[in-house]
Amino acid sequence: MAEKITLLEAKLQNTEREVLELQSLTGGTPQVAFSATLRESGSGDIGPFTTNTPLKYQKVFSNTGNGYNPSTGIFTARVSGTYFFRFSMFNNLSPTPNSVVSLMKNGERLVSVWDTSGTDSNDMGSNAAVIPLHVGDSVYVELLANRRVFDDGMNYNTFTGFLLFAA
């Protein structure tokens, strides 16, 4: 038993040393950031859906901290703190513009971008917010029911977020 305790103490000391080394690399500050666009490739509309639907941004440029899930389109906070989020929306007039997207926190609408009328060939908009999050809070971009967004491989529709400072 004494031998096992000595071995466990050595492992604990090694783990503590590794934690200190990692903290020195990051300055002890958690690092959380992601950025993604809707399509891996291809062109066309996404939507319409019969209900409000989280957009799944599938081409991930970065996902430091692994808080963003491209399978669901949802960012889940693993660190409590204040975050910055930005999203963009692009549509075309086929046959008329019909886009409404919103930034959601735990199912609550925070900010939106819309375009439902126009005479030009396409429109783009973006919005952003700085919000407090607790561990487990979720943030995503929601496409409203019976609406659509468009992309033609130029990566117009993006979703980005990062931790400004931990709580």
C-alpha atoms as a PDB file:
ATOM      1  CA  MET A   1       0.000   0.000   0.000  1.00  0.00           C
ATOM      2  CA  ALA A   2       2.844   2.413   0.852  1.00  0.00           C
ATOM      3  CA  GLU A   3       4.343   1.722  -2.573  1.00  0.00           C
ATOM      4  CA  LYS A   4       1.055   2.652  -4.296  1.00  0.00           C
ATOM      5  CA  ILE A   5       0.787   5.858  -2.275  1.00  0.00           C
ATOM      6  CA  THR A   6       4.340   6.824  -3.235  1.00  0.00           C
ATOM      7  CA  LEU A   7       3.560   6.139  -6.909  1.00  0.00           C
ATOM      8  CA  LEU A   8       0.344   8.185  -6.739  1.00  0.00           C
ATOM      9  CA  GLU A   9       2.191  11.073  -5.054  1.00  0.00           C
ATOM     10  CA  ALA A  10       4.762  11.063  -7.863  1.00  0.00           C
ATOM     11  CA  LYS A  11       2.004  11.092 -10.489  1.00  0.00           C
ATOM     12  CA  LEU A  12       0.248  13.943  -8.683  1.00  0.00           C
ATOM     13  CA  GLN A  13       3.461  15.974  -8.581  1.00  0.00           C
ATOM     14  CA  ASN A  14       4.001  15.384 -12.315  1.00  0.00           C
ATOM     15  CA  THR A  15       0.415  16.445 -13.033  1.00  0.00           C
ATOM     16  CA  GLU A  16       0.797  19.589 -10.926  1.00  0.00           C
ATOM     17  CA  ARG A  17       4.006  20.416 -12.784  1.00  0.00           C
ATOM     18  CA  GLU A  18       2.256  19.943 -16.149  1.00  0.00           C
ATOM     19  CA  VAL A  19      -0.627  22.204 -15.049  1.00  0.00           C
ATOM     20  CA  LEU A  20       1.817  24.911 -14.009  1.00  0.00           C
ATOM     21  CA  GLU A  21       3.629  24.605 -17.330  1.00  0.00           C
ATOM     22  CA  LEU A  22       0.363  24.905 -19.280  1.00  0.00           C
ATOM     23  CA  GLN A  23      -0.713  27.893 -17.188  1.00  0.00           C
ATOM     24  CA  SER A  24       2.602  29.595 -17.902  1.00  0.00           C
ATOM     25  CA  LEU A  25       2.038  29.096 -21.630  1.00  0.00           C
ATOM     26  CA  THR A  26      -1.406  30.708 -21.526  1.00  0.00           C
ATOM     27  CA  GLY A  27      -0.696  33.138 -18.745  1.00  0.00           C
ATOM     28  CA  GLY A  28      -3.206  31.177 -16.661  1.00  0.00           C
ATOM     29  CA  THR A  29      -5.993  32.576 -18.838  1.00  0.00           C
ATOM     30  CA  PRO A  30      -8.421  30.194 -20.559  1.00  0.00           C
ATOM     31  CA  GLN A  31      -8.335  30.449 -24.335  1.00  0.00           C
ATOM     32  CA  VAL A  32     -11.681  30.203 -26.136  1.00  0.00           C
ATOM     33  CA  ALA A  33     -12.313  31.253 -29.738  1.00  0.00           C
ATOM     34  CA  PHE A  34     -14.086  29.865 -32.777  1.00  0.00           C
ATOM     35  CA  SER A  35     -14.992  30.925 -36.282  1.00  0.00           C
ATOM     36  CA  ALA A  36     -16.964  29.031 -38.911  1.00  0.00           C
ATOM     37  CA  THR A  37     -18.928  29.417 -42.125  1.00  0.00           C
ATOM     38  CA  LEU A  38     -22.080  27.582 -43.226  1.00  0.00           C
ATOM     39  CA  ARG A  39     -20.901  25.462 -46.137  1.00  0.00           C
ATOM     40  CA  GLU A  40     -17.926  23.160 -46.598  1.00  0.00           C
ATOM     41  CA  SER A  41     -18.508  23.654 -50.339  1.00  0.00           C
ATOM     42  CA  GLY A  42     -21.246  24.097 -52.881  1.00  0.00           C
ATOM     43  CA  SER A  43     -23.868  26.681 -53.577  1.00  0.00           C
ATOM     44  CA  GLY A  44     -27.518  27.346 -52.823  1.00  0.00           C
ATOM     45  CA  ASP A  45     -30.100  28.153 -50.194  1.00  0.00           C
ATOM     46  CA  ILE A  46     -30.155  26.801 -46.667  1.00  0.00           C
ATOM     47  CA  GLY A  47     -33.767  26.625 -45.566  1.00  0.00           C
ATOM     48  CA  PRO A  48     -36.599  27.184 -45.455  1.00  0.00           C
ATOM     49  CA  PHE A  49     -37.477  24.981 -42.467  1.00  0.00           C
ATOM     50  CA  THR A  50     -40.933  24.662 -40.907  1.00  0.00           C
ATOM     51  CA  THR A  51     -39.647  25.720 -37.458  1.00  0.00           C
ATOM     52  CA  ASN A  52     -36.948  28.052 -36.155  1.00  0.00           C
ATOM     53  CA  THR A  53     -33.702  26.143 -36.660  1.00  0.00           C
ATOM     54  CA  PRO A  54     -30.113  26.611 -35.430  1.00  0.00           C
ATOM     55  CA  LEU A  55     -27.805  27.115 -38.402  1.00  0.00           C
ATOM     56  CA  LYS A  56     -25.003  24.540 -38.588  1.00  0.00           C
ATOM     57  CA  TYR A  57     -21.803  26.308 -39.569  1.00  0.00           C
ATOM     58  CA  GLN A  58     -19.895  23.328 -40.931  1.00  0.00           C
ATOM     59  CA  LYS A  59     -16.612  24.726 -42.225  1.00  0.00           C
ATOM     60  CA  VAL A  60     -14.684  25.506 -39.043  1.00  0.00           C
ATOM     61  CA  PHE A  61     -11.730  27.863 -39.350  1.00  0.00           C
ATOM     62  CA  SER A  62     -10.776  27.655 -35.668  1.00  0.00           C
ATOM     63  CA  ASN A  63     -12.200  26.116 -32.509  1.00  0.00           C
ATOM     64  CA  THR A  64      -9.797  26.803 -29.655  1.00  0.00           C
ATOM     65  CA  GLY A  65     -11.255  25.283 -26.505  1.00  0.00           C
ATOM     66  CA  ASN A  66     -13.640  23.062 -28.538  1.00  0.00           C
ATOM     67  CA  GLY A  67     -16.738  24.941 -27.431  1.00  0.00           C
ATOM     68  CA  TYR A  68     -18.321  25.068 -30.901  1.00  0.00           C
ATOM     69  CA  ASN A  69     -20.058  21.962 -32.278  1.00  0.00           C
ATOM     70  CA  PRO A  70     -20.449  22.027 -36.097  1.00  0.00           C
ATOM     71  CA  SER A  71     -22.905  19.100 -35.947  1.00  0.00           C
ATOM     72  CA  THR A  72     -25.408  21.185 -33.980  1.00  0.00           C
ATOM     73  CA  GLY A  73     -24.309  24.768 -34.731  1.00  0.00           C
ATOM     74  CA  ILE A  74     -24.202  25.440 -30.989  1.00  0.00           C
ATOM     75  CA  PHE A  75     -21.411  27.000 -28.935  1.00  0.00           C
ATOM     76  CA  THR A  76     -21.417  25.778 -25.323  1.00  0.00           C
ATOM     77  CA  ALA A  77     -19.440  27.761 -22.759  1.00  0.00           C
ATOM     78  CA  ARG A  78     -16.849  25.716 -20.900  1.00  0.00           C
ATOM     79  CA  VAL A  79     -15.536  28.817 -19.146  1.00  0.00           C
ATOM     80  CA  SER A  80     -17.632  31.446 -17.370  1.00  0.00           C
ATOM     81  CA  GLY A  81     -16.917  34.971 -18.534  1.00  0.00           C
ATOM     82  CA  THR A  82     -17.750  37.747 -20.957  1.00  0.00           C
ATOM     83  CA  TYR A  83     -17.828  36.799 -24.637  1.00  0.00           C
ATOM     84  CA  PHE A  84     -18.017  38.556 -27.991  1.00  0.00           C
ATOM     85  CA  PHE A  85     -20.144  37.005 -30.771  1.00  0.00           C
ATOM     86  CA  ARG A  86     -20.634  38.124 -34.374  1.00  0.00           C
ATOM     87  CA  PHE A  87     -22.642  36.616 -37.205  1.00  0.00           C
ATOM     88  CA  SER A  88     -23.383  37.534 -40.796  1.00  0.00           C
ATOM     89  CA  MET A  89     -26.236  36.725 -43.157  1.00  0.00           C
ATOM     90  CA  PHE A  90     -26.410  36.719 -46.951  1.00  0.00           C
ATOM     91  CA  ASN A  91     -29.374  36.169 -49.268  1.00  0.00           C
ATOM     92  CA  ASN A  92     -30.296  36.479 -52.895  1.00  0.00           C
ATOM     93  CA  LEU A  93     -33.535  37.424 -54.595  1.00  0.00           C
ATOM     94  CA  SER A  94     -34.838  34.056 -55.683  1.00  0.00           C
ATOM     95  CA  PRO A  95     -37.620  34.995 -56.093  1.00  0.00           C
ATOM     96  CA  THR A  96     -37.693  37.565 -53.246  1.00  0.00           C
ATOM     97  CA  PRO A  97     -35.419  38.092 -50.231  1.00  0.00           C
ATOM     98  CA  ASN A  98     -36.646  36.158 -47.247  1.00  0.00           C
ATOM     99  CA  SER A  99     -33.959  36.028 -44.554  1.00  0.00           C
ATOM    100  CA  VAL A 100     -34.221  36.516 -40.799  1.00  0.00           C
ATOM    101  CA  VAL A 101     -31.469  35.213 -38.485  1.00  0.00           C
ATOM    102  CA  SER A 102     -30.972  35.830 -34.775  1.00  0.00           C
ATOM    103  CA  LEU A 103     -28.258  35.325 -32.192  1.00  0.00           C
ATOM    104  CA  MET A 104     -29.712  33.180 -29.398  1.00  0.00           C
ATOM    105  CA  LYS A 105     -28.536  32.579 -25.828  1.00  0.00           C
ATOM    106  CA  ASN A 106     -30.151  29.614 -24.067  1.00  0.00           C
ATOM    107  CA  GLY A 107     -33.173  29.955 -26.363  1.00  0.00           C
ATOM    108  CA  GLU A 108     -33.542  33.723 -25.843  1.00  0.00           C
ATOM    109  CA  ARG A 109     -33.273  36.067 -28.837  1.00  0.00           C
ATOM    110  CA  LEU A 110     -30.536  38.684 -28.363  1.00  0.00           C
ATOM    111  CA  VAL A 111     -30.016  40.444 -31.719  1.00  0.00           C
ATOM    112  CA  SER A 112     -31.151  39.833 -35.311  1.00  0.00           C
ATOM    113  CA  VAL A 113     -30.497  40.612 -38.958  1.00  0.00           C
ATOM    114  CA  TRP A 114     -33.191  40.517 -41.592  1.00  0.00           C
ATOM    115  CA  ASP A 115     -33.925  41.268 -45.215  1.00  0.00           C
ATOM    116  CA  THR A 116     -37.388  40.578 -46.538  1.00  0.00           C
ATOM    117  CA  SER A 117     -37.678  43.122 -49.342  1.00  0.00           C
ATOM    118  CA  GLY A 118     -35.436  44.693 -51.905  1.00  0.00           C
ATOM    119  CA  THR A 119     -34.836  45.548 -55.519  1.00  0.00           C
ATOM    120  CA  ASP A 120     -31.159  44.605 -55.822  1.00  0.00           C
ATOM    121  CA  SER A 121     -29.770  41.140 -56.549  1.00  0.00           C
ATOM    122  CA  ASN A 122     -28.666  40.239 -53.026  1.00  0.00           C
ATOM    123  CA  ASP A 123     -28.176  41.646 -49.548  1.00  0.00           C
ATOM    124  CA  MET A 124     -25.917  41.054 -46.592  1.00  0.00           C
ATOM    125  CA  GLY A 125     -26.068  42.071 -42.957  1.00  0.00           C
ATOM    126  CA  SER A 126     -24.324  41.340 -39.688  1.00  0.00           C
ATOM    127  CA  ASN A 127     -24.763  41.910 -35.982  1.00  0.00           C
ATOM    128  CA  ALA A 128     -22.771  41.349 -32.805  1.00  0.00           C
ATOM    129  CA  ALA A 129     -23.135  41.266 -29.035  1.00  0.00           C
ATOM    130  CA  VAL A 130     -20.998  41.130 -25.900  1.00  0.00           C
ATOM    131  CA  ILE A 131     -22.662  38.875 -23.329  1.00  0.00           C
ATOM    132  CA  PRO A 132     -21.913  37.155 -20.025  1.00  0.00           C
ATOM    133  CA  LEU A 133     -21.975  33.349 -20.062  1.00  0.00           C
ATOM    134  CA  HIS A 134     -21.801  30.690 -17.376  1.00  0.00           C
ATOM    135  CA  VAL A 135     -20.451  27.190 -17.887  1.00  0.00           C
ATOM    136  CA  GLY A 136     -23.055  25.250 -19.863  1.00  0.00           C
ATOM    137  CA  ASP A 137     -24.760  28.264 -21.472  1.00  0.00           C
ATOM    138  CA  SER A 138     -25.404  27.855 -25.191  1.00  0.00           C
ATOM    139  CA  VAL A 139     -25.194  30.395 -28.009  1.00  0.00           C
ATOM    140  CA  TYR A 140     -26.215  29.825 -31.610  1.00  0.00           C
ATOM    141  CA  VAL A 141     -27.553  31.555 -34.707  1.00  0.00           C
ATOM    142  CA  GLU A 142     -31.149  30.698 -35.503  1.00  0.00           C
ATOM    143  CA  LEU A 143     -32.811  30.836 -38.915  1.00  0.00           C
ATOM    144  CA  LEU A 144     -36.462  31.732 -38.419  1.00  0.00           C
ATOM    145  CA  ALA A 145     -39.164  29.445 -39.783  1.00  0.00           C
ATOM    146  CA  ASN A 146     -39.931  29.711 -43.506  1.00  0.00           C
ATOM    147  CA  ARG A 147     -36.798  31.822 -44.109  1.00  0.00           C
ATOM    148  CA  ARG A 148     -33.586  31.086 -45.987  1.00  0.00           C
ATOM    149  CA  VAL A 149     -29.988  32.184 -46.392  1.00  0.00           C
ATOM    150  CA  PHE A 150     -27.800  31.742 -49.460  1.00  0.00           C
ATOM    151  CA  ASP A 151     -24.153  31.006 -50.101  1.00  0.00           C
ATOM    152  CA  ASP A 152     -22.271  30.343 -53.313  1.00  0.00           C
ATOM    153  CA  GLY A 153     -18.966  29.166 -51.886  1.00  0.00           C
ATOM    154  CA  MET A 154     -17.763  32.653 -50.941  1.00  0.00           C
ATOM    155  CA  ASN A 155     -18.386  32.042 -47.195  1.00  0.00           C
ATOM    156  CA  TYR A 156     -20.705  35.012 -46.638  1.00  0.00           C
ATOM    157  CA  ASN A 157     -22.551  33.475 -43.674  1.00  0.00           C
ATOM    158  CA  THR A 158     -20.231  33.312 -40.679  1.00  0.00           C
ATOM    159  CA  PHE A 159     -20.460  32.764 -36.928  1.00  0.00           C
ATOM    160  CA  THR A 160     -17.588  33.822 -34.652  1.00  0.00           C
ATOM    161  CA  GLY A 161     -17.140  34.047 -30.902  1.00  0.00           C
ATOM    162  CA  PHE A 162     -14.396  34.431 -28.345  1.00  0.00           C
ATOM    163  CA  LEU A 163     -13.832  34.895 -24.636  1.00  0.00           C
ATOM    164  CA  LEU A 164     -12.962  38.482 -23.767  1.00  0.00           C
ATOM    165  CA  PHE A 165     -12.192  37.734 -20.126  1.00  0.00           C
ATOM    166  CA  ALA A 166     -12.988  34.970 -17.655  1.00  0.00           C
ATOM    167  CA  ALA A 167     -15.281  35.545 -14.699  1.00  0.00           C
END
